[in-house]
Amino acid sequence: MNFKILKKSKISNARLGFMETSHGVVETPCFVPVATQATVKTLTSQEVEQTKSQILIANTFHLHLKPGEKVVEKAGGLHTFMNWKKPLMTDSGGFQVFSLGFGKDFGIGKILKKREIISKPDNRRPSILRLTDEIKYGTQPQRIKIMQDGVYFNSPLDGEKLFLGPKESIRIQEQLGADIIFTFDECTSPIANYEYTKKSLEKTHQWAQICLKAKNSKQALYGIVQGGKFKDLRQESAKFIGSLPFDGFGIGGEFGDDKRQMPKMLDWVVRELPERKPRHLLGIGHLEDMEKIIKSGIDTFDCIAPTHYARRGLAFTSEGRLDLKQIKFLKKREPLDKGCVCGVCLIYKKDYICHLLRAHEITALRLLTFHNLYYFNNFVEEIRAKIKKGEI
């Protein structure tokens, strides 16, 4: 993979560039849609391409569960298997260490919006996550076991005992055949305390070195920076991972209790990473995040928001986020967004999509997914234009 910076902003850390892979060129900064199980839900690969998507990210853990990396490899690799001709990334499975572990135990995500949120510890009735709740060193999640050599899971499909470590993750990703792969890591919880996060970081760094030694393919390998919300740990991780011969860097983990702190936290990391290698922010990329992320010096970032919200009847537009399930839209004979030129907005109207949603027709999910992806990609395209003009 070849990465080149074409222009650096004079008023922020934003930069224009491109990544050249064996499956094509990606203009950066770039939004990366999520194709967890080798598909962007509800769309064909050809439809995804029509939304201006340049690159997708699939998930190692889920593809290992089904259909299995051997099936994908036998089909000719992930590109051939899903008929996607453009570049691909695969997440290492590290996020599942969090989502199937402490994330599931406490019912929380990577960014803790409130302390008083509903959680389901011990599978009992929902309770309130207390202000004093924290994950201390030595604590294990209920459903998985995080050890020095890797992570022991029970399959969410059939309960079968599974093991995933750095060597296993790299082997699976090599068989899947994406252009860009990631090291195996532990994504820590927003309520992990300092000691837990520090010990976790030591494992993540050890696993990163093992991943480098285990890789035998020509795929680009990104090392992942962790460290939670702690400045010294984030900087330590960025310096360590940045000193290793990775082709690029992922920035993972959680970003504390307040998303408004994220640009500051990204700055801790970015200033310690090598200037001339690409930076990918894992799992964060709502519309309101994008300009902040890009101004922080991030080149690519993935997020489920456009597809996740579409399947719940929500469209992202210049008017804001619209819930097309609401009956008032049956009286709106107009496009989702009058300024949008995607294939949905040029043909279909709000009243029709509202009807489809209320009739529980799956076509509505496809139309909204297509529009949302196009809207997100177009939004980033406009930010690239602003960088070029010196406005960001």
Foldseek 3Di string as FASTA:
>chain_A
DDKDWDDAFPVFRFTWIWDQFPLGIDTWLFEAEEPAQLHLPPDALVLLVLLVHAEYEYELVVVCVPPRLVVQLVCPASCSVRVHRHAYEYELCQVVLCCVFVCQQFVDDQAAQDQQDWGQHPNDPTDGRDPPDAAEPPDTGDAKGQDLQFIWGQDPPHRHIDTDGQLNSQVSCVSNPGQEYEGHAHADHLRYDQNNLVVRLVSLLVSQVVNVVNHDDPHFYAYEQHRHQDLVSSLVRLQSSQVDPGQAYEYGHHHHHDCVCVLVSLLSRPVNHDPRHAYEYEADDDLVCVVSCSSSNHIYYYHNVQLVVLVQQWAQEPVGIDRLLDPVQLPWQAFPYNVDDRPRRVPHGSNVLNVCVPVVHCVSSSSSSSRSSSVSRVSRVVVSVCSVVSND
